[in-house]
Amino acid sequence: MHISCYYRSATHDGLDQRCITDPDSVPGNSVIDCESYCTSKRVEFKDPKDRVQSMHRGCSDKPEYVNQVIEDSTFRSYYRVCQSDLCNGGSGKSFSNIGGIIGDAGDDIVLLVPGTGTKNNSASLSFFTILLIISVIMCNLV
């Protein structure tokens, strides 16, 4: 599967606001062919609030983070991953007007990222616990 993704980076020193709000209107805007996922990473200063430090649009076979917001004492970083043509053209902050979001309610795939946690076995454990209790009860009735 191949998808088209916006590819552009900008920092607060030379940040054209159109780069955030309307990437199609930025002169010299690049679109690249990607094999896996379109990405965007928007980094904001925490003070002053909502001031963009940098914006990067691109693609990745193994995204660093999947649709998460990561904060430290200085910055708030928005990581977005999607899988449809030019889906990384939004503000990078919200999912509105972006198609192909990984993990949305659509028909897209769910992205599994190695090292992000362990499989939740609580449902299997609960099922077997209930099965064991029923077995013990049934054995006592016989």
N, C-alpha and C. Protein backbone atom coordinates (compact mmCIF):
# COMPACT_ATOMS: atom_id res chain seq x y z
N MET A 1 0.84 -1.18 0.00
CA MET A 1 0.00 0.00 0.00
C MET A 1 0.88 1.24 0.00
N HIS A 2 0.57 2.17 -0.85
CA HIS A 2 1.30 3.44 -0.90
C HIS A 2 0.32 4.58 -0.68
N ILE A 3 0.75 5.57 0.08
CA ILE A 3 -0.07 6.75 0.33
C ILE A 3 0.78 8.00 0.12
N SER A 4 0.11 9.09 -0.19
CA SER A 4 0.79 10.38 -0.33
C SER A 4 0.70 11.13 0.99
N CYS A 5 1.83 11.69 1.43
CA CYS A 5 1.88 12.43 2.69
C CYS A 5 2.55 13.78 2.48
N TYR A 6 2.10 14.76 3.24
CA TYR A 6 2.82 16.04 3.26
C TYR A 6 4.17 15.81 3.91
N TYR A 7 5.17 16.52 3.39
CA TYR A 7 6.51 16.43 3.96
C TYR A 7 7.07 17.85 4.09
N ARG A 8 7.18 18.30 5.33
CA ARG A 8 7.66 19.67 5.55
C ARG A 8 7.97 19.85 7.04
N SER A 9 9.00 20.63 7.33
CA SER A 9 9.33 20.98 8.71
C SER A 9 9.51 22.48 8.81
N ALA A 10 9.14 23.00 9.97
CA ALA A 10 9.33 24.43 10.21
C ALA A 10 9.52 24.64 11.71
N THR A 11 10.29 25.65 12.05
CA THR A 11 10.48 26.01 13.46
C THR A 11 9.91 27.39 13.71
N HIS A 12 9.79 27.75 14.98
CA HIS A 12 9.13 29.02 15.33
C HIS A 12 9.83 30.23 14.74
N ASP A 13 11.12 30.15 14.45
CA ASP A 13 11.83 31.30 13.88
C ASP A 13 11.30 31.67 12.50
N GLY A 14 11.01 30.67 11.67
CA GLY A 14 10.53 30.94 10.32
C GLY A 14 9.20 30.29 10.03
N LEU A 15 8.40 30.13 11.06
CA LEU A 15 7.14 29.40 10.91
C LEU A 15 6.07 30.25 10.23
N ASP A 16 5.70 29.84 9.06
CA ASP A 16 4.58 30.43 8.34
C ASP A 16 3.32 29.76 8.89
N GLN A 17 2.38 30.52 9.42
CA GLN A 17 1.18 29.96 10.04
C GLN A 17 0.39 29.08 9.07
N ARG A 18 0.54 29.32 7.78
CA ARG A 18 -0.14 28.47 6.80
C ARG A 18 0.41 27.05 6.84
N CYS A 19 1.64 26.91 7.30
CA CYS A 19 2.24 25.59 7.44
C CYS A 19 1.42 24.75 8.42
N ILE A 20 0.79 25.39 9.37
CA ILE A 20 -0.03 24.70 10.37
C ILE A 20 -1.48 24.62 9.92
N THR A 21 -2.01 25.72 9.43
CA THR A 21 -3.45 25.79 9.15
C THR A 21 -3.84 25.32 7.76
N ASP A 22 -2.95 25.49 6.76
CA ASP A 22 -3.30 25.15 5.38
C ASP A 22 -2.04 24.80 4.59
N PRO A 23 -1.50 23.59 4.80
CA PRO A 23 -0.23 23.24 4.16
C PRO A 23 -0.28 23.26 2.64
N ASP A 24 -1.46 23.11 2.03
CA ASP A 24 -1.56 23.19 0.57
C ASP A 24 -1.19 24.56 0.03
N SER A 25 -1.39 25.60 0.83
CA SER A 25 -1.16 26.97 0.34
C SER A 25 0.28 27.44 0.51
N VAL A 26 1.13 26.65 1.13
CA VAL A 26 2.51 27.06 1.37
C VAL A 26 3.34 26.82 0.10
N PRO A 27 3.99 27.87 -0.42
CA PRO A 27 4.83 27.69 -1.60
C PRO A 27 5.95 26.68 -1.32
N GLY A 28 6.20 25.82 -2.27
CA GLY A 28 7.26 24.84 -2.11
C GLY A 28 6.88 23.66 -1.23
N ASN A 29 5.60 23.53 -0.94
CA ASN A 29 5.13 22.42 -0.11
C ASN A 29 5.43 21.10 -0.82
N SER A 30 5.92 20.13 -0.08
CA SER A 30 6.27 18.84 -0.66
C SER A 30 5.25 17.78 -0.30
N VAL A 31 5.00 16.91 -1.25
CA VAL A 31 4.19 15.71 -1.04
C VAL A 31 5.07 14.54 -1.44
N ILE A 32 5.15 13.54 -0.58
CA ILE A 32 5.99 12.38 -0.86
C ILE A 32 5.16 11.11 -0.86
N ASP A 33 5.67 10.08 -1.52
CA ASP A 33 5.03 8.77 -1.55
C ASP A 33 5.56 7.96 -0.37
N CYS A 34 4.66 7.43 0.45
CA CYS A 34 5.05 6.67 1.63
C CYS A 34 4.48 5.26 1.57
N GLU A 35 5.17 4.35 2.21
CA GLU A 35 4.72 2.96 2.23
C GLU A 35 3.79 2.65 3.40
N SER A 36 3.93 3.35 4.51
CA SER A 36 3.18 2.94 5.70
C SER A 36 2.27 4.01 6.26
N TYR A 37 2.82 4.99 6.97
CA TYR A 37 2.01 5.93 7.74
C TYR A 37 2.43 7.37 7.50
N CYS A 38 1.44 8.23 7.36
CA CYS A 38 1.69 9.68 7.36
C CYS A 38 1.77 10.10 8.83
N THR A 39 2.65 11.03 9.12
CA THR A 39 2.82 11.48 10.50
C THR A 39 2.83 13.00 10.57
N SER A 40 2.52 13.49 11.75
CA SER A 40 2.75 14.91 12.05
C SER A 40 3.16 15.00 13.52
N LYS A 41 4.05 15.93 13.76
CA LYS A 41 4.49 16.20 15.13
C LYS A 41 4.46 17.72 15.31
N ARG A 42 3.61 18.15 16.21
CA ARG A 42 3.48 19.57 16.54
C ARG A 42 4.01 19.76 17.95
N VAL A 43 4.97 20.65 18.11
CA VAL A 43 5.55 20.93 19.42
C VAL A 43 5.20 22.37 19.79
N GLU A 44 4.57 22.53 20.95
CA GLU A 44 4.18 23.85 21.44
C GLU A 44 4.94 24.18 22.71
N PHE A 45 5.20 25.47 22.89
CA PHE A 45 5.71 25.93 24.17
C PHE A 45 4.55 25.86 25.17
N LYS A 46 4.85 25.53 26.40
CA LYS A 46 3.81 25.56 27.42
C LYS A 46 3.56 26.98 27.89
N ASP A 47 4.60 27.82 27.75
CA ASP A 47 4.48 29.23 28.11
C ASP A 47 5.29 30.04 27.10
N PRO A 48 4.68 30.85 26.27
CA PRO A 48 3.26 31.18 26.21
C PRO A 48 2.46 30.02 25.62
N LYS A 49 1.28 29.83 26.17
CA LYS A 49 0.41 28.72 25.80
C LYS A 49 0.05 28.77 24.32
N ASP A 50 0.05 27.61 23.69
CA ASP A 50 -0.35 27.41 22.29
C ASP A 50 0.60 28.02 21.26
N ARG A 51 1.74 28.53 21.66
CA ARG A 51 2.72 29.05 20.69
C ARG A 51 3.50 27.86 20.13
N VAL A 52 3.49 27.73 18.81
CA VAL A 52 4.12 26.58 18.16
C VAL A 52 5.63 26.78 18.10
N GLN A 53 6.36 25.79 18.59
CA GLN A 53 7.82 25.80 18.53
C GLN A 53 8.29 25.19 17.22
N SER A 54 7.64 24.08 16.80
CA SER A 54 7.99 23.45 15.53
C SER A 54 6.83 22.59 15.04
N MET A 55 6.87 22.33 13.74
CA MET A 55 5.87 21.48 13.10
C MET A 55 6.59 20.63 12.07
N HIS A 56 6.34 19.33 12.11
CA HIS A 56 6.94 18.43 11.13
C HIS A 56 5.86 17.51 10.58
N ARG A 57 5.83 17.41 9.26
CA ARG A 57 4.94 16.47 8.59
C ARG A 57 5.81 15.53 7.76
N GLY A 58 5.49 14.24 7.78
CA GLY A 58 6.28 13.29 7.03
C GLY A 58 5.64 11.93 7.02
N CYS A 59 6.48 10.90 6.94
CA CYS A 59 5.96 9.54 6.98
C CYS A 59 6.95 8.64 7.71
N SER A 60 6.46 7.49 8.14
CA SER A 60 7.30 6.59 8.91
C SER A 60 6.76 5.16 8.79
N ASP A 61 7.68 4.20 8.79
CA ASP A 61 7.28 2.80 8.87
C ASP A 61 7.04 2.41 10.32
N LYS A 62 7.74 3.07 11.24
CA LYS A 62 7.62 2.78 12.67
C LYS A 62 7.56 4.11 13.43
N PRO A 63 6.35 4.67 13.57
CA PRO A 63 6.21 5.96 14.26
C PRO A 63 6.71 5.91 15.70
N GLU A 64 7.29 7.01 16.13
CA GLU A 64 7.81 7.13 17.51
C GLU A 64 6.70 6.99 18.54
N TYR A 65 5.61 7.70 18.32
CA TYR A 65 4.42 7.62 19.17
C TYR A 65 3.22 7.57 18.26
N VAL A 66 2.12 6.99 18.73
CA VAL A 66 0.91 6.87 17.92
C VAL A 66 -0.22 7.65 18.58
N ASN A 67 -0.56 8.77 17.98
CA ASN A 67 -1.69 9.61 18.43
C ASN A 67 -1.67 9.86 19.93
N GLN A 68 -0.56 10.43 20.37
CA GLN A 68 -0.37 10.74 21.78
C GLN A 68 0.06 12.19 21.95
N VAL A 69 -0.13 12.68 23.15
CA VAL A 69 0.37 13.99 23.54
C VAL A 69 1.38 13.75 24.66
N ILE A 70 2.60 14.21 24.45
CA ILE A 70 3.68 14.02 25.42
C ILE A 70 4.09 15.39 25.94
N GLU A 71 4.19 15.52 27.26
CA GLU A 71 4.54 16.81 27.86
C GLU A 71 5.77 16.69 28.74
N ASP A 72 6.53 17.77 28.78
CA ASP A 72 7.58 17.92 29.78
C ASP A 72 7.42 19.32 30.37
N SER A 73 8.39 19.81 31.08
CA SER A 73 8.23 21.09 31.76
C SER A 73 8.17 22.28 30.80
N THR A 74 8.66 22.12 29.58
CA THR A 74 8.74 23.23 28.63
C THR A 74 7.80 23.08 27.43
N PHE A 75 7.65 21.85 26.94
CA PHE A 75 6.92 21.63 25.69
C PHE A 75 5.76 20.65 25.84
N ARG A 76 4.81 20.79 24.92
CA ARG A 76 3.71 19.83 24.75
C ARG A 76 3.81 19.38 23.28
N SER A 77 4.00 18.08 23.07
CA SER A 77 4.19 17.55 21.72
C SER A 77 3.02 16.67 21.33
N TYR A 78 2.46 16.95 20.16
CA TYR A 78 1.33 16.20 19.62
C TYR A 78 1.85 15.30 18.50
N TYR A 79 1.68 14.00 18.66
CA TYR A 79 2.10 13.03 17.65
C TYR A 79 0.85 12.45 17.01
N ARG A 80 0.74 12.56 15.68
CA ARG A 80 -0.42 12.04 14.96
C ARG A 80 0.05 11.09 13.86
N VAL A 81 -0.68 9.99 13.70
CA VAL A 81 -0.37 8.97 12.71
C VAL A 81 -1.67 8.63 11.98
N CYS A 82 -1.61 8.54 10.65
CA CYS A 82 -2.79 8.21 9.87
C CYS A 82 -2.39 7.45 8.61
N GLN A 83 -3.39 6.95 7.89
CA GLN A 83 -3.11 6.09 6.75
C GLN A 83 -4.01 6.35 5.55
N SER A 84 -4.15 7.58 5.15
CA SER A 84 -4.85 7.88 3.90
C SER A 84 -4.14 9.06 3.26
N ASP A 85 -4.36 9.25 1.97
CA ASP A 85 -3.65 10.29 1.23
C ASP A 85 -3.81 11.67 1.88
N LEU A 86 -2.68 12.31 2.11
CA LEU A 86 -2.59 13.68 2.65
C LEU A 86 -3.36 13.86 3.96
N CYS A 87 -3.43 12.81 4.76
CA CYS A 87 -4.16 12.86 6.03
C CYS A 87 -3.39 13.63 7.10
N ASN A 88 -2.11 13.93 6.88
CA ASN A 88 -1.33 14.65 7.89
C ASN A 88 -1.32 16.15 7.62
N GLY A 89 -2.40 16.66 7.05
CA GLY A 89 -2.48 18.07 6.72
C GLY A 89 -3.22 18.92 7.74
N GLY A 90 -3.72 18.35 8.79
CA GLY A 90 -4.46 19.12 9.79
C GLY A 90 -3.53 19.94 10.68
N SER A 91 -4.08 20.49 11.73
CA SER A 91 -3.32 21.33 12.65
C SER A 91 -2.26 20.55 13.42
N GLY A 92 -2.42 19.24 13.46
CA GLY A 92 -1.50 18.41 14.23
C GLY A 92 -1.91 18.31 15.69
N LYS A 93 -2.93 19.06 16.04
CA LYS A 93 -3.38 19.11 17.43
C LYS A 93 -4.61 18.25 17.65
N SER A 94 -5.54 18.32 16.74
CA SER A 94 -6.77 17.55 16.88
C SER A 94 -6.92 16.61 15.71
N PHE A 95 -7.93 15.75 15.78
CA PHE A 95 -8.18 14.80 14.71
C PHE A 95 -9.25 15.27 13.74
N SER A 96 -9.80 16.46 13.94
CA SER A 96 -10.87 16.90 13.07
C SER A 96 -10.35 17.10 11.65
N ASN A 97 -11.16 16.72 10.69
CA ASN A 97 -10.86 16.85 9.27
C ASN A 97 -9.66 16.04 8.81
N ILE A 98 -9.29 15.02 9.56
CA ILE A 98 -8.20 14.16 9.15
C ILE A 98 -8.78 12.77 8.95
N GLY A 99 -8.56 12.18 7.80
CA GLY A 99 -9.05 10.83 7.54
C GLY A 99 -7.95 9.81 7.81
N GLY A 100 -8.36 8.57 7.97
CA GLY A 100 -7.40 7.49 8.11
C GLY A 100 -6.64 7.46 9.42
N ILE A 101 -7.21 8.03 10.48
CA ILE A 101 -6.54 8.04 11.78
C ILE A 101 -6.40 6.63 12.28
N ILE A 102 -5.25 6.29 12.76
CA ILE A 102 -5.04 4.97 13.34
C ILE A 102 -5.73 4.93 14.69
N GLY A 103 -6.60 3.93 14.88
CA GLY A 103 -7.30 3.78 16.15
C GLY A 103 -8.65 4.47 16.20
N ASP A 104 -9.11 5.06 15.06
CA ASP A 104 -10.43 5.68 15.08
C ASP A 104 -11.49 4.62 14.84
N ALA A 105 -12.74 5.02 14.72
CA ALA A 105 -13.84 4.07 14.59
C ALA A 105 -14.06 3.62 13.15
N GLY A 106 -13.19 4.02 12.24
CA GLY A 106 -13.33 3.64 10.84
C GLY A 106 -12.82 2.25 10.55
N ASP A 107 -12.56 2.00 9.28
CA ASP A 107 -12.12 0.68 8.85
C ASP A 107 -10.61 0.55 8.80
N ASP A 108 -9.89 1.42 9.44
CA ASP A 108 -8.43 1.39 9.40
C ASP A 108 -7.89 0.29 10.30
N ILE A 109 -6.61 0.00 10.11
CA ILE A 109 -5.99 -1.02 10.94
C ILE A 109 -5.59 -0.44 12.28
N VAL A 110 -5.34 -1.31 13.22
CA VAL A 110 -4.82 -0.89 14.51
C VAL A 110 -3.32 -1.07 14.47
N LEU A 111 -2.58 -0.07 14.81
CA LEU A 111 -1.12 -0.12 14.77
C LEU A 111 -0.60 -0.64 16.10
N LEU A 112 0.20 -1.70 16.05
CA LEU A 112 0.84 -2.25 17.23
C LEU A 112 2.28 -1.82 17.21
N VAL A 113 2.71 -1.13 18.23
CA VAL A 113 4.07 -0.63 18.30
C VAL A 113 4.83 -1.43 19.34
N PRO A 114 5.91 -2.13 18.93
CA PRO A 114 6.68 -2.92 19.89
C PRO A 114 7.21 -2.06 21.02
N GLY A 115 7.17 -2.61 22.24
CA GLY A 115 7.74 -1.90 23.38
C GLY A 115 6.83 -0.91 24.05
N THR A 116 5.55 -0.84 23.65
CA THR A 116 4.65 0.14 24.25
C THR A 116 3.82 -0.44 25.39
N GLY A 117 4.05 -1.66 25.74
CA GLY A 117 3.28 -2.25 26.83
C GLY A 117 3.14 -3.74 26.62
N THR A 118 2.36 -4.36 27.47
CA THR A 118 2.15 -5.80 27.36
C THR A 118 0.70 -6.07 27.04
N LYS A 119 0.45 -7.27 26.54
CA LYS A 119 -0.91 -7.67 26.21
C LYS A 119 -1.73 -7.75 27.49
N ASN A 120 -2.95 -7.26 27.42
CA ASN A 120 -3.85 -7.29 28.58
C ASN A 120 -4.45 -8.68 28.69
N ASN A 121 -4.05 -9.43 29.70
CA ASN A 121 -4.54 -10.79 29.89
C ASN A 121 -5.68 -10.86 30.90
N SER A 122 -6.19 -9.74 31.38
CA SER A 122 -7.21 -9.78 32.42
C SER A 122 -8.50 -10.44 31.94
N ALA A 123 -8.87 -10.25 30.67
CA ALA A 123 -10.10 -10.87 30.16
C ALA A 123 -9.95 -12.38 30.13
N SER A 124 -8.81 -12.87 29.67
CA SER A 124 -8.57 -14.32 29.64
C SER A 124 -8.54 -14.89 31.04
N LEU A 125 -7.89 -14.18 31.96
CA LEU A 125 -7.80 -14.63 33.33
C LEU A 125 -9.19 -14.69 33.96
N SER A 126 -10.02 -13.68 33.73
CA SER A 126 -11.38 -13.67 34.27
C SER A 126 -12.20 -14.82 33.72
N PHE A 127 -12.09 -15.09 32.43
CA PHE A 127 -12.82 -16.16 31.80
C PHE A 127 -12.46 -17.51 32.44
N PHE A 128 -11.17 -17.76 32.60
CA PHE A 128 -10.74 -19.03 33.18
C PHE A 128 -11.07 -19.14 34.66
N THR A 129 -11.07 -18.04 35.38
CA THR A 129 -11.47 -18.04 36.78
C THR A 129 -12.94 -18.42 36.91
N ILE A 130 -13.77 -17.83 36.08
CA ILE A 130 -15.20 -18.14 36.10
C ILE A 130 -15.42 -19.59 35.70
N LEU A 131 -14.72 -20.07 34.68
CA LEU A 131 -14.83 -21.46 34.25
C LEU A 131 -14.44 -22.42 35.38
N LEU A 132 -13.38 -22.09 36.11
CA LEU A 132 -12.93 -22.92 37.23
C LEU A 132 -13.99 -22.96 38.34
N ILE A 133 -14.56 -21.82 38.65
CA ILE A 133 -15.59 -21.76 39.70
C ILE A 133 -16.80 -22.59 39.30
N ILE A 134 -17.23 -22.48 38.04
CA ILE A 134 -18.38 -23.25 37.57
C ILE A 134 -18.06 -24.75 37.64
N SER A 135 -16.85 -25.12 37.26
CA SER A 135 -16.43 -26.54 37.32
C SER A 135 -16.49 -27.08 38.75
N VAL A 136 -16.01 -26.30 39.70
CA VAL A 136 -16.01 -26.73 41.11
C VAL A 136 -17.46 -26.89 41.59
N ILE A 137 -18.31 -25.96 41.24
CA ILE A 137 -19.72 -26.03 41.63
C ILE A 137 -20.38 -27.25 41.01
N MET A 138 -20.13 -27.49 39.74
CA MET A 138 -20.72 -28.65 39.06
C MET A 138 -20.23 -29.96 39.67
N CYS A 139 -18.95 -30.05 40.04
CA CYS A 139 -18.40 -31.26 40.66
C CYS A 139 -19.05 -31.49 42.03
N ASN A 140 -19.34 -30.45 42.76
CA ASN A 140 -19.96 -30.59 44.08
C ASN A 140 -21.42 -31.01 43.97
N LEU A 141 -22.08 -30.69 42.87
CA LEU A 141 -23.47 -31.06 42.67
C LEU A 141 -23.61 -32.52 42.27
N VAL A 142 -22.59 -33.09 41.70
CA VAL A 142 -22.67 -34.49 41.22
C VAL A 142 -22.48 -35.47 42.33
